[in-house]
Amino acid sequence: MTDPDTPRGGPLVGIRVLELAGMGPGPHGAMLLADLGADVVRVQRPGTLPADGRPADQQLRGRTIVEADLKSPAGIATVLDLVERADVLVEGFRPGVTERLELGPDDVLRRSRRCRATRTRTRACVLSYPCRPATRPAARPCCPRADLAVNP
């Protein structure tokens, strides 16, 4: 949670970022945006915050946290309302998940011409193998040049 008594500054003051909680580079990127002054709102599953309402993970610093169940119509409506006030939507789900939830880039643009959806992926599809985590050990067995493709 952000501390309202702390003055915020930086080159991104005035930019509103909506982060759909996930794993991988999304949370880290949103933290950096918040550190640079952006107003970051993180949407995460209900019941995942400690009792005092403050996240224990320091990587979640500088954010306002909103709980919403993305599998319910009310949760989707909450996110779409937040999209209308956001400049950027950051998500890191598997391919097709946001489209299935009706929160994909096209859905975001229909709701707000100002908001741009960005995707952060931690998975790589190499050759005809199914998507695997984009780390060198996972990619190396299926493609000898995977180090170049995954980590240029």
Protein backbone atom coordinates (compact mmCIF):
# COMPACT_ATOMS: atom_id res chain seq x y z
CA MET A 1 0.00 0.00 0.00
CA THR A 2 1.19 3.46 -0.67
CA ASP A 3 1.68 5.81 2.23
CA PRO A 4 -0.42 8.92 1.50
CA ASP A 5 1.86 11.08 3.66
CA THR A 6 4.92 10.32 1.52
CA PRO A 7 5.43 12.81 -1.31
CA ARG A 8 5.95 11.10 -4.65
CA GLY A 9 8.21 12.43 -7.37
CA GLY A 10 9.92 11.23 -10.49
CA PRO A 11 9.61 11.32 -14.24
CA LEU A 12 6.45 9.18 -14.30
CA VAL A 13 4.33 11.31 -11.97
CA GLY A 14 0.83 11.45 -13.44
CA ILE A 15 1.06 8.07 -15.21
CA ARG A 16 -1.46 5.51 -13.97
CA VAL A 17 -0.51 1.84 -14.21
CA LEU A 18 -2.88 -1.05 -13.62
CA GLU A 19 -1.08 -4.30 -12.79
CA LEU A 20 -2.86 -7.66 -12.86
CA ALA A 21 -1.05 -9.72 -10.22
CA GLY A 22 1.10 -12.43 -11.66
CA MET A 23 4.58 -13.86 -11.53
CA GLY A 24 7.74 -13.11 -13.39
CA PRO A 25 8.85 -9.71 -14.62
CA GLY A 26 5.42 -8.01 -14.22
CA PRO A 27 5.60 -7.31 -10.48
CA HIS A 28 9.23 -6.20 -10.71
CA GLY A 29 8.49 -3.90 -13.65
CA ALA A 30 5.50 -2.40 -11.84
CA MET A 31 7.70 -1.80 -8.78
CA LEU A 32 10.21 0.08 -10.92
CA LEU A 33 7.41 2.16 -12.47
CA ALA A 34 6.16 3.00 -8.96
CA ASP A 35 9.69 3.89 -7.88
CA LEU A 36 9.84 6.32 -10.81
CA GLY A 37 6.67 8.06 -9.65
CA ALA A 38 3.87 6.25 -11.47
CA ASP A 39 0.62 5.61 -9.62
CA VAL A 40 0.46 1.79 -9.68
CA VAL A 41 -2.69 -0.12 -8.75
CA ARG A 42 -2.24 -3.88 -8.33
CA VAL A 43 -5.25 -6.16 -8.73
CA GLN A 44 -4.88 -9.47 -6.92
CA ARG A 45 -6.98 -12.34 -5.66
CA PRO A 46 -9.09 -11.76 -2.55
CA GLY A 47 -7.62 -13.02 0.71
CA THR A 48 -3.97 -12.86 -0.31
CA LEU A 49 -3.00 -9.89 1.88
CA PRO A 50 -1.92 -10.32 5.50
CA ALA A 51 -4.40 -9.32 8.21
CA ASP A 52 -2.92 -5.83 8.59
CA GLY A 53 -3.44 -5.15 4.87
CA ARG A 54 0.21 -4.41 4.17
CA PRO A 55 2.14 -6.73 1.84
CA ALA A 56 5.14 -8.48 3.37
CA ASP A 57 6.97 -8.63 0.03
CA GLN A 58 9.08 -5.49 -0.47
CA GLN A 59 8.70 -5.92 -4.22
CA LEU A 60 5.08 -4.82 -3.79
CA ARG A 61 6.10 -1.43 -2.39
CA GLY A 62 4.66 1.76 -3.78
CA ARG A 63 1.38 0.28 -4.92
CA THR A 64 -2.26 0.55 -4.06
CA ILE A 65 -3.67 -2.97 -3.84
CA VAL A 66 -7.20 -3.82 -4.91
CA GLU A 67 -8.60 -7.31 -4.41
CA ALA A 68 -10.82 -8.68 -7.17
CA ASP A 69 -11.80 -12.18 -8.27
CA LEU A 70 -11.08 -12.25 -12.01
CA LYS A 71 -13.26 -15.33 -12.40
CA SER A 72 -16.40 -13.44 -11.39
CA PRO A 73 -18.34 -10.84 -13.40
CA ALA A 74 -18.06 -8.39 -10.48
CA GLY A 75 -14.27 -8.76 -10.43
CA ILE A 76 -14.02 -8.21 -14.19
CA ALA A 77 -16.25 -5.13 -13.85
CA THR A 78 -13.94 -3.79 -11.13
CA VAL A 79 -10.90 -4.20 -13.39
CA LEU A 80 -12.67 -2.62 -16.37
CA ASP A 81 -13.58 0.37 -14.20
CA LEU A 82 -9.91 0.71 -13.25
CA VAL A 83 -8.91 0.39 -16.93
CA GLU A 84 -10.90 3.54 -17.71
CA ARG A 85 -8.60 5.55 -15.43
CA ALA A 86 -5.32 3.84 -16.37
CA ASP A 87 -2.69 4.71 -18.94
CA VAL A 88 -1.05 1.26 -18.97
CA LEU A 89 -2.24 -2.27 -18.14
CA VAL A 90 0.53 -4.72 -17.20
CA GLU A 91 -0.23 -8.45 -17.23
CA GLY A 92 1.91 -11.56 -17.33
CA PHE A 93 -0.57 -14.39 -17.74
CA ARG A 94 -0.17 -17.29 -20.16
CA PRO A 95 -1.17 -16.56 -23.77
CA GLY A 96 -4.94 -16.32 -24.18
CA VAL A 97 -5.84 -15.91 -20.50
CA THR A 98 -6.67 -12.21 -20.62
CA GLU A 99 -8.66 -12.70 -23.81
CA ARG A 100 -10.68 -15.44 -22.11
CA LEU A 101 -11.32 -13.09 -19.19
CA GLU A 102 -12.31 -10.34 -21.68
CA LEU A 103 -9.38 -8.22 -20.47
CA GLY A 104 -7.17 -8.58 -23.56
CA PRO A 105 -5.66 -5.67 -25.50
CA ASP A 106 -8.72 -5.32 -27.77
CA ASP A 107 -11.08 -5.31 -24.77
CA VAL A 108 -8.94 -2.69 -23.04
CA LEU A 109 -8.91 -0.45 -26.13
CA ARG A 110 -12.69 -0.74 -26.47
CA ARG A 111 -13.07 0.39 -22.87
CA SER A 112 -10.43 3.13 -22.90
CA ARG A 113 -8.68 4.67 -25.90
CA ARG A 114 -6.00 6.01 -23.55
CA CYS A 115 -4.96 2.73 -21.90
CA ARG A 116 -2.37 0.48 -23.52
CA ALA A 117 -2.00 -3.17 -22.58
CA THR A 118 1.50 -4.61 -22.14
CA ARG A 119 2.44 -8.21 -21.69
CA THR A 120 5.33 -9.64 -19.77
CA ARG A 121 6.13 -13.26 -20.47
CA THR A 122 8.30 -15.72 -18.63
CA ARG A 123 7.68 -18.49 -21.11
CA ALA A 124 9.24 -19.28 -24.47
CA CYS A 125 7.95 -21.50 -27.27
CA VAL A 126 10.88 -23.15 -28.98
CA LEU A 127 10.49 -25.31 -32.08
CA SER A 128 7.50 -27.65 -31.79
CA TYR A 129 7.78 -28.09 -28.03
CA PRO A 130 5.03 -26.74 -25.77
CA CYS A 131 5.68 -23.49 -23.93
CA ARG A 132 8.23 -23.92 -21.18
CA PRO A 133 9.68 -21.46 -18.69
CA ALA A 134 12.07 -19.16 -20.54
CA THR A 135 15.22 -20.12 -18.69
CA ARG A 136 18.37 -21.52 -20.18
CA PRO A 137 18.09 -24.99 -18.58
CA ALA A 138 14.53 -25.45 -19.89
CA ALA A 139 15.29 -24.29 -23.43
CA ARG A 140 18.75 -25.85 -23.91
CA PRO A 141 17.63 -29.51 -24.34
CA CYS A 142 15.30 -28.73 -27.24
CA CYS A 143 17.38 -26.17 -29.10
CA PRO A 144 21.18 -25.78 -28.99
CA ARG A 145 20.91 -22.09 -29.99
CA ALA A 146 18.17 -21.40 -27.41
CA ASP A 147 20.54 -19.31 -25.31
CA LEU A 148 20.57 -16.74 -28.08
CA ALA A 149 16.81 -16.89 -28.67
CA VAL A 150 15.78 -16.75 -25.00
CA ASN A 151 18.43 -14.48 -23.53
CA PRO A 152 19.82 -12.30 -26.34
